[in-house]
Amino acid sequence: MLGIVLLASGLTGATQRESAVVDSMFESSTSTERHVAVLVTEGFQDAEAYMPIGYLANRGVNITVIGPDTGRVKAYNSDFEIVIDKAVSDVTPDDFDALIIPGGKAPAKLKEDPASVEFAKNFFNTGKLVAAICHGPQVLAAAGVLKGVTTTGVNSIQGELEAAGAKYLDQALVTDKNLITSRVPDDLPVFAEAIDKALNSAR
């Protein structure tokens, strides 16, 4: 179950042509059988959570927001909130087709939570899709799964990723096997699109 409501404004009175453009943007590209987990806690970066969720939900993907505990948590950079549907202790990697880890200040907290780190580790090791943006790869570094993996993230965590054995690239999008990473909110369009394409190709 998706723990947020996404609202679009400014569409009232739109022309038929404008409506058609919007419809084509949000057209479902596959069936609704795909399930994606989004791992957050207090202090997440709002756009890095909302934009992938909205992009994928509008393409028929089922989203479950997970975290250390259920309940409402707040973004660090705005008053936006998100509801954590399920605790990581109540789900398994078998429940999902992909895992997304947004950035912000939340990953620094998640990497100190043993259950969240263990979930991320076990999920990555299944070979299923994992996508992390900005500070999100910190959780994977703590999980010990980045040795020999090419990745990116916000440049302030480059040393942390390299200390975990990763090869760091300063690029908007880096893919290596089952991992997709991006650096900052400006990279979100290519990040979300890459996740959708990977989910489609995995079917």
C-alpha atoms as a PDB file:
ATOM      1  CA  MET A   1       0.000   0.000   0.000  1.00  0.00           C
ATOM      2  CA  LEU A   2       1.324   3.441  -0.936  1.00  0.00           C
ATOM      3  CA  GLY A   3       1.725   5.610   2.149  1.00  0.00           C
ATOM      4  CA  ILE A   4       1.404   9.013   0.434  1.00  0.00           C
ATOM      5  CA  VAL A   5      -1.027  10.859  -1.774  1.00  0.00           C
ATOM      6  CA  LEU A   6       0.400  12.650  -4.805  1.00  0.00           C
ATOM      7  CA  LEU A   7      -1.582  15.677  -5.994  1.00  0.00           C
ATOM      8  CA  ALA A   8      -1.191  17.504  -9.302  1.00  0.00           C
ATOM      9  CA  SER A   9      -2.420  21.085  -9.618  1.00  0.00           C
ATOM     10  CA  GLY A  10      -3.077  23.290 -12.603  1.00  0.00           C
ATOM     11  CA  LEU A  11      -4.828  20.687 -14.779  1.00  0.00           C
ATOM     12  CA  THR A  12      -8.324  22.148 -14.369  1.00  0.00           C
ATOM     13  CA  GLY A  13      -9.418  23.593 -17.686  1.00  0.00           C
ATOM     14  CA  ALA A  14      -6.541  21.989 -19.573  1.00  0.00           C
ATOM     15  CA  THR A  15      -7.020  21.645 -23.304  1.00  0.00           C
ATOM     16  CA  GLN A  16      -7.596  18.250 -24.866  1.00  0.00           C
ATOM     17  CA  ARG A  17      -4.088  18.378 -26.304  1.00  0.00           C
ATOM     18  CA  GLU A  18      -2.549  19.156 -22.893  1.00  0.00           C
ATOM     19  CA  SER A  19      -4.589  16.391 -21.288  1.00  0.00           C
ATOM     20  CA  ALA A  20      -3.396  13.943 -23.925  1.00  0.00           C
ATOM     21  CA  VAL A  21       0.204  14.842 -23.181  1.00  0.00           C
ATOM     22  CA  VAL A  22      -0.343  14.276 -19.460  1.00  0.00           C
ATOM     23  CA  ASP A  23      -2.106  10.974 -20.130  1.00  0.00           C
ATOM     24  CA  SER A  24       0.777   9.763 -22.294  1.00  0.00           C
ATOM     25  CA  MET A  25       3.311  10.679 -19.593  1.00  0.00           C
ATOM     26  CA  PHE A  26       1.458   8.642 -16.992  1.00  0.00           C
ATOM     27  CA  GLU A  27       0.365   5.770 -19.181  1.00  0.00           C
ATOM     28  CA  SER A  28       0.941   2.375 -17.568  1.00  0.00           C
ATOM     29  CA  SER A  29       3.631   0.508 -19.463  1.00  0.00           C
ATOM     30  CA  THR A  30       3.226  -2.895 -17.832  1.00  0.00           C
ATOM     31  CA  SER A  31       0.893  -4.838 -15.582  1.00  0.00           C
ATOM     32  CA  THR A  32       0.415  -4.046 -11.898  1.00  0.00           C
ATOM     33  CA  GLU A  33       2.232  -7.153 -10.702  1.00  0.00           C
ATOM     34  CA  ARG A  34       5.542  -5.485  -9.897  1.00  0.00           C
ATOM     35  CA  HIS A  35       6.235  -4.644  -6.261  1.00  0.00           C
ATOM     36  CA  VAL A  36       8.863  -2.130  -5.119  1.00  0.00           C
ATOM     37  CA  ALA A  37      10.003  -1.257  -1.603  1.00  0.00           C
ATOM     38  CA  VAL A  38      11.182   2.262  -0.741  1.00  0.00           C
ATOM     39  CA  LEU A  39      13.387   2.343   2.371  1.00  0.00           C
ATOM     40  CA  VAL A  40      13.167   5.569   4.395  1.00  0.00           C
ATOM     41  CA  THR A  41      13.146   6.989   7.884  1.00  0.00           C
ATOM     42  CA  GLU A  42      13.046  10.434   9.466  1.00  0.00           C
ATOM     43  CA  GLY A  43      15.047  12.977   7.480  1.00  0.00           C
ATOM     44  CA  PHE A  44      14.553  11.630   3.949  1.00  0.00           C
ATOM     45  CA  GLN A  45      15.017  13.985   0.974  1.00  0.00           C
ATOM     46  CA  ASP A  46      11.527  14.752  -0.250  1.00  0.00           C
ATOM     47  CA  ALA A  47      11.995  14.730  -4.034  1.00  0.00           C
ATOM     48  CA  GLU A  48      14.238  11.666  -3.945  1.00  0.00           C
ATOM     49  CA  ALA A  49      11.406   9.719  -2.335  1.00  0.00           C
ATOM     50  CA  TYR A  50       8.335  11.255  -3.972  1.00  0.00           C
ATOM     51  CA  MET A  51       9.534  11.414  -7.572  1.00  0.00           C
ATOM     52  CA  PRO A  52      10.500   7.739  -8.031  1.00  0.00           C
ATOM     53  CA  ILE A  53       7.352   6.710  -6.159  1.00  0.00           C
ATOM     54  CA  GLY A  54       5.128   8.848  -8.369  1.00  0.00           C
ATOM     55  CA  TYR A  55       6.917   7.877 -11.575  1.00  0.00           C
ATOM     56  CA  LEU A  56       6.599   4.159 -10.879  1.00  0.00           C
ATOM     57  CA  ALA A  57       3.108   4.253  -9.362  1.00  0.00           C
ATOM     58  CA  ASN A  58       1.860   5.966 -12.504  1.00  0.00           C
ATOM     59  CA  ARG A  59       3.250   3.023 -14.464  1.00  0.00           C
ATOM     60  CA  GLY A  60       1.340   0.423 -12.507  1.00  0.00           C
ATOM     61  CA  VAL A  61       4.018  -0.474  -9.962  1.00  0.00           C
ATOM     62  CA  ASN A  62       2.881  -1.343  -6.444  1.00  0.00           C
ATOM     63  CA  ILE A  63       4.854   0.670  -3.881  1.00  0.00           C
ATOM     64  CA  THR A  64       5.406  -0.197  -0.225  1.00  0.00           C
ATOM     65  CA  VAL A  65       7.262   2.289   1.963  1.00  0.00           C
ATOM     66  CA  ILE A  66       9.362   0.466   4.557  1.00  0.00           C
ATOM     67  CA  GLY A  67      11.566   1.597   7.427  1.00  0.00           C
ATOM     68  CA  PRO A  68      12.752   0.734  10.926  1.00  0.00           C
ATOM     69  CA  ASP A  69       9.263   1.374  12.317  1.00  0.00           C
ATOM     70  CA  THR A  70       5.824   2.084  10.870  1.00  0.00           C
ATOM     71  CA  GLY A  71       4.328   5.547  11.110  1.00  0.00           C
ATOM     72  CA  ARG A  72       4.723   9.032   9.708  1.00  0.00           C
ATOM     73  CA  VAL A  73       8.183  10.524   9.150  1.00  0.00           C
ATOM     74  CA  LYS A  74       9.226  13.974   7.949  1.00  0.00           C
ATOM     75  CA  ALA A  75      11.617  15.116   5.253  1.00  0.00           C
ATOM     76  CA  TYR A  76      14.673  17.047   6.378  1.00  0.00           C
ATOM     77  CA  ASN A  77      14.364  19.675   3.648  1.00  0.00           C
ATOM     78  CA  SER A  78      10.632  20.488   3.789  1.00  0.00           C
ATOM     79  CA  ASP A  79       7.455  19.917   5.779  1.00  0.00           C
ATOM     80  CA  PHE A  80       6.543  16.957   3.542  1.00  0.00           C
ATOM     81  CA  GLU A  81       5.865  13.668   5.268  1.00  0.00           C
ATOM     82  CA  ILE A  82       5.556  10.061   4.241  1.00  0.00           C
ATOM     83  CA  VAL A  83       3.929   7.104   5.959  1.00  0.00           C
ATOM     84  CA  ILE A  84       6.031   3.985   6.480  1.00  0.00           C
ATOM     85  CA  ASP A  85       3.650   1.138   5.700  1.00  0.00           C
ATOM     86  CA  LYS A  86       5.696  -1.747   7.051  1.00  0.00           C
ATOM     87  CA  ALA A  87       8.710  -2.231   9.291  1.00  0.00           C
ATOM     88  CA  VAL A  88      11.707  -3.952   7.711  1.00  0.00           C
ATOM     89  CA  SER A  89      11.348  -6.676  10.334  1.00  0.00           C
ATOM     90  CA  ASP A  90       7.920  -7.527   8.912  1.00  0.00           C
ATOM     91  CA  VAL A  91       8.942  -7.959   5.263  1.00  0.00           C
ATOM     92  CA  THR A  92      11.425 -10.057   3.299  1.00  0.00           C
ATOM     93  CA  PRO A  93      13.217  -9.595  -0.044  1.00  0.00           C
ATOM     94  CA  ASP A  94      10.834 -12.188  -1.468  1.00  0.00           C
ATOM     95  CA  ASP A  95       8.012  -9.652  -1.114  1.00  0.00           C
ATOM     96  CA  PHE A  96       9.475  -7.247  -3.678  1.00  0.00           C
ATOM     97  CA  ASP A  97      10.981  -6.987  -7.143  1.00  0.00           C
ATOM     98  CA  ALA A  98      13.166  -3.972  -6.355  1.00  0.00           C
ATOM     99  CA  LEU A  99      14.428  -1.817  -3.501  1.00  0.00           C
ATOM    100  CA  ILE A 100      14.861   1.977  -3.684  1.00  0.00           C
ATOM    101  CA  ILE A 101      16.882   3.922  -1.105  1.00  0.00           C
ATOM    102  CA  PRO A 102      16.358   7.711  -1.311  1.00  0.00           C
ATOM    103  CA  GLY A 103      18.906  10.114   0.127  1.00  0.00           C
ATOM    104  CA  GLY A 104      18.854  12.994   2.555  1.00  0.00           C
ATOM    105  CA  LYS A 105      19.769  12.547   6.214  1.00  0.00           C
ATOM    106  CA  ALA A 106      17.775   9.328   6.539  1.00  0.00           C
ATOM    107  CA  PRO A 107      20.499   6.963   5.231  1.00  0.00           C
ATOM    108  CA  ALA A 108      22.858   8.035   8.029  1.00  0.00           C
ATOM    109  CA  LYS A 109      20.185   6.855  10.467  1.00  0.00           C
ATOM    110  CA  LEU A 110      19.320   3.733   8.505  1.00  0.00           C
ATOM    111  CA  LYS A 111      22.945   2.580   8.427  1.00  0.00           C
ATOM    112  CA  GLU A 112      22.872   2.568  12.241  1.00  0.00           C
ATOM    113  CA  ASP A 113      19.768   0.368  12.303  1.00  0.00           C
ATOM    114  CA  PRO A 114      20.821  -3.306  12.160  1.00  0.00           C
ATOM    115  CA  ALA A 115      17.487  -4.529  10.775  1.00  0.00           C
ATOM    116  CA  SER A 116      17.552  -2.021   7.908  1.00  0.00           C
ATOM    117  CA  VAL A 117      21.160  -2.818   7.043  1.00  0.00           C
ATOM    118  CA  GLU A 118      20.470  -6.545   7.132  1.00  0.00           C
ATOM    119  CA  PHE A 119      17.430  -6.140   4.895  1.00  0.00           C
ATOM    120  CA  ALA A 120      19.433  -4.107   2.373  1.00  0.00           C
ATOM    121  CA  LYS A 121      22.232  -6.681   2.439  1.00  0.00           C
ATOM    122  CA  ASN A 122      19.923  -9.632   1.939  1.00  0.00           C
ATOM    123  CA  PHE A 123      18.012  -7.834  -0.817  1.00  0.00           C
ATOM    124  CA  PHE A 124      21.162  -6.894  -2.719  1.00  0.00           C
ATOM    125  CA  ASN A 125      22.447 -10.446  -2.481  1.00  0.00           C
ATOM    126  CA  THR A 126      19.315 -11.828  -4.156  1.00  0.00           C
ATOM    127  CA  GLY A 127      20.486 -10.185  -7.383  1.00  0.00           C
ATOM    128  CA  LYS A 128      17.230  -8.262  -7.688  1.00  0.00           C
ATOM    129  CA  LEU A 129      17.258  -4.567  -8.563  1.00  0.00           C
ATOM    130  CA  VAL A 130      18.532  -2.101  -5.972  1.00  0.00           C
ATOM    131  CA  ALA A 131      18.512   1.659  -6.671  1.00  0.00           C
ATOM    132  CA  ALA A 132      20.022   4.318  -4.408  1.00  0.00           C
ATOM    133  CA  ILE A 133      20.441   8.059  -4.848  1.00  0.00           C
ATOM    134  CA  CYS A 134      22.414  10.788  -3.100  1.00  0.00           C
ATOM    135  CA  HIS A 135      23.240   9.512   0.431  1.00  0.00           C
ATOM    136  CA  GLY A 136      21.287   6.289  -0.170  1.00  0.00           C
ATOM    137  CA  PRO A 137      24.394   4.218  -1.022  1.00  0.00           C
ATOM    138  CA  GLN A 138      25.575   4.745   2.574  1.00  0.00           C
ATOM    139  CA  VAL A 139      23.198   1.962   3.591  1.00  0.00           C
ATOM    140  CA  LEU A 140      24.754  -0.393   1.042  1.00  0.00           C
ATOM    141  CA  ALA A 141      28.242   0.552   2.191  1.00  0.00           C
ATOM    142  CA  ALA A 142      27.251  -0.335   5.752  1.00  0.00           C
ATOM    143  CA  ALA A 143      25.792  -3.601   4.441  1.00  0.00           C
ATOM    144  CA  GLY A 144      29.189  -4.572   3.022  1.00  0.00           C
ATOM    145  CA  VAL A 145      27.942  -5.299  -0.491  1.00  0.00           C
ATOM    146  CA  LEU A 146      29.855  -2.692  -2.508  1.00  0.00           C
ATOM    147  CA  LYS A 147      33.272  -4.327  -2.778  1.00  0.00           C
ATOM    148  CA  GLY A 148      34.261  -4.237  -6.443  1.00  0.00           C
ATOM    149  CA  VAL A 149      31.018  -2.491  -7.423  1.00  0.00           C
ATOM    150  CA  THR A 150      30.980   0.665  -9.546  1.00  0.00           C
ATOM    151  CA  THR A 151      28.679   3.256  -8.040  1.00  0.00           C
ATOM    152  CA  THR A 152      27.980   6.929  -7.505  1.00  0.00           C
ATOM    153  CA  GLY A 153      26.291   9.110  -4.907  1.00  0.00           C
ATOM    154  CA  VAL A 154      26.529  12.645  -3.598  1.00  0.00           C
ATOM    155  CA  ASN A 155      30.213  13.586  -3.695  1.00  0.00           C
ATOM    156  CA  SER A 156      30.436  14.031   0.089  1.00  0.00           C
ATOM    157  CA  ILE A 157      30.152  10.236   0.545  1.00  0.00           C
ATOM    158  CA  GLN A 158      32.752   9.317  -2.090  1.00  0.00           C
ATOM    159  CA  GLY A 159      35.331   8.435   0.570  1.00  0.00           C
ATOM    160  CA  GLU A 160      32.808   6.311   2.466  1.00  0.00           C
ATOM    161  CA  LEU A 161      31.900   4.361  -0.650  1.00  0.00           C
ATOM    162  CA  GLU A 162      35.519   3.829  -1.651  1.00  0.00           C
ATOM    163  CA  ALA A 163      36.359   2.693   1.884  1.00  0.00           C
ATOM    164  CA  ALA A 164      33.638   0.051   1.431  1.00  0.00           C
ATOM    165  CA  GLY A 165      35.422  -1.192  -1.706  1.00  0.00           C
ATOM    166  CA  ALA A 166      33.367   0.573  -4.357  1.00  0.00           C
ATOM    167  CA  LYS A 167      34.674   2.312  -7.462  1.00  0.00           C
ATOM    168  CA  TYR A 168      33.194   5.824  -7.471  1.00  0.00           C
ATOM    169  CA  LEU A 169      32.179   7.667 -10.644  1.00  0.00           C
ATOM    170  CA  ASP A 170      30.932  11.262 -10.695  1.00  0.00           C
ATOM    171  CA  GLN A 171      28.105  10.645 -13.179  1.00  0.00           C
ATOM    172  CA  ALA A 172      24.362  11.268 -13.191  1.00  0.00           C
ATOM    173  CA  LEU A 173      23.610   7.568 -13.572  1.00  0.00           C
ATOM    174  CA  VAL A 174      25.781   4.537 -12.869  1.00  0.00           C
ATOM    175  CA  THR A 175      24.609   0.962 -13.335  1.00  0.00           C
ATOM    176  CA  ASP A 176      26.544  -2.134 -12.321  1.00  0.00           C
ATOM    177  CA  LYS A 177      24.828  -5.518 -12.440  1.00  0.00           C
ATOM    178  CA  ASN A 178      21.730  -5.191 -10.213  1.00  0.00           C
ATOM    179  CA  LEU A 179      22.626  -1.740  -8.821  1.00  0.00           C
ATOM    180  CA  ILE A 180      21.473   1.662 -10.088  1.00  0.00           C
ATOM    181  CA  THR A 181      22.865   4.800  -8.427  1.00  0.00           C
ATOM    182  CA  SER A 182      22.601   8.547  -8.956  1.00  0.00           C
ATOM    183  CA  ARG A 183      24.068  11.603  -7.220  1.00  0.00           C
ATOM    184  CA  VAL A 184      21.592  14.406  -6.502  1.00  0.00           C
ATOM    185  CA  PRO A 185      17.967  15.506  -7.113  1.00  0.00           C
ATOM    186  CA  ASP A 186      18.900  16.903 -10.539  1.00  0.00           C
ATOM    187  CA  ASP A 187      19.607  13.294 -11.574  1.00  0.00           C
ATOM    188  CA  LEU A 188      16.103  12.094 -10.678  1.00  0.00           C
ATOM    189  CA  PRO A 189      14.696  11.962 -14.239  1.00  0.00           C
ATOM    190  CA  VAL A 190      17.358   9.505 -15.445  1.00  0.00           C
ATOM    191  CA  PHE A 191      17.289   7.663 -12.108  1.00  0.00           C
ATOM    192  CA  ALA A 192      13.534   7.000 -12.188  1.00  0.00           C
ATOM    193  CA  GLU A 193      13.562   6.096 -15.868  1.00  0.00           C
ATOM    194  CA  ALA A 194      16.414   3.632 -15.353  1.00  0.00           C
ATOM    195  CA  ILE A 195      14.522   1.900 -12.556  1.00  0.00           C
ATOM    196  CA  ASP A 196      11.410   1.550 -14.716  1.00  0.00           C
ATOM    197  CA  LYS A 197      13.397   0.178 -17.646  1.00  0.00           C
ATOM    198  CA  ALA A 198      15.228  -2.317 -15.420  1.00  0.00           C
ATOM    199  CA  LEU A 199      11.957  -3.540 -13.955  1.00  0.00           C
ATOM    200  CA  ASN A 200      10.533  -3.992 -17.429  1.00  0.00           C
ATOM    201  CA  SER A 201      13.577  -5.875 -18.707  1.00  0.00           C
ATOM    202  CA  ALA A 202      13.487  -8.193 -15.706  1.00  0.00           C
ATOM    203  CA  ARG A 203      10.011  -9.439 -16.589  1.00  0.00           C
END
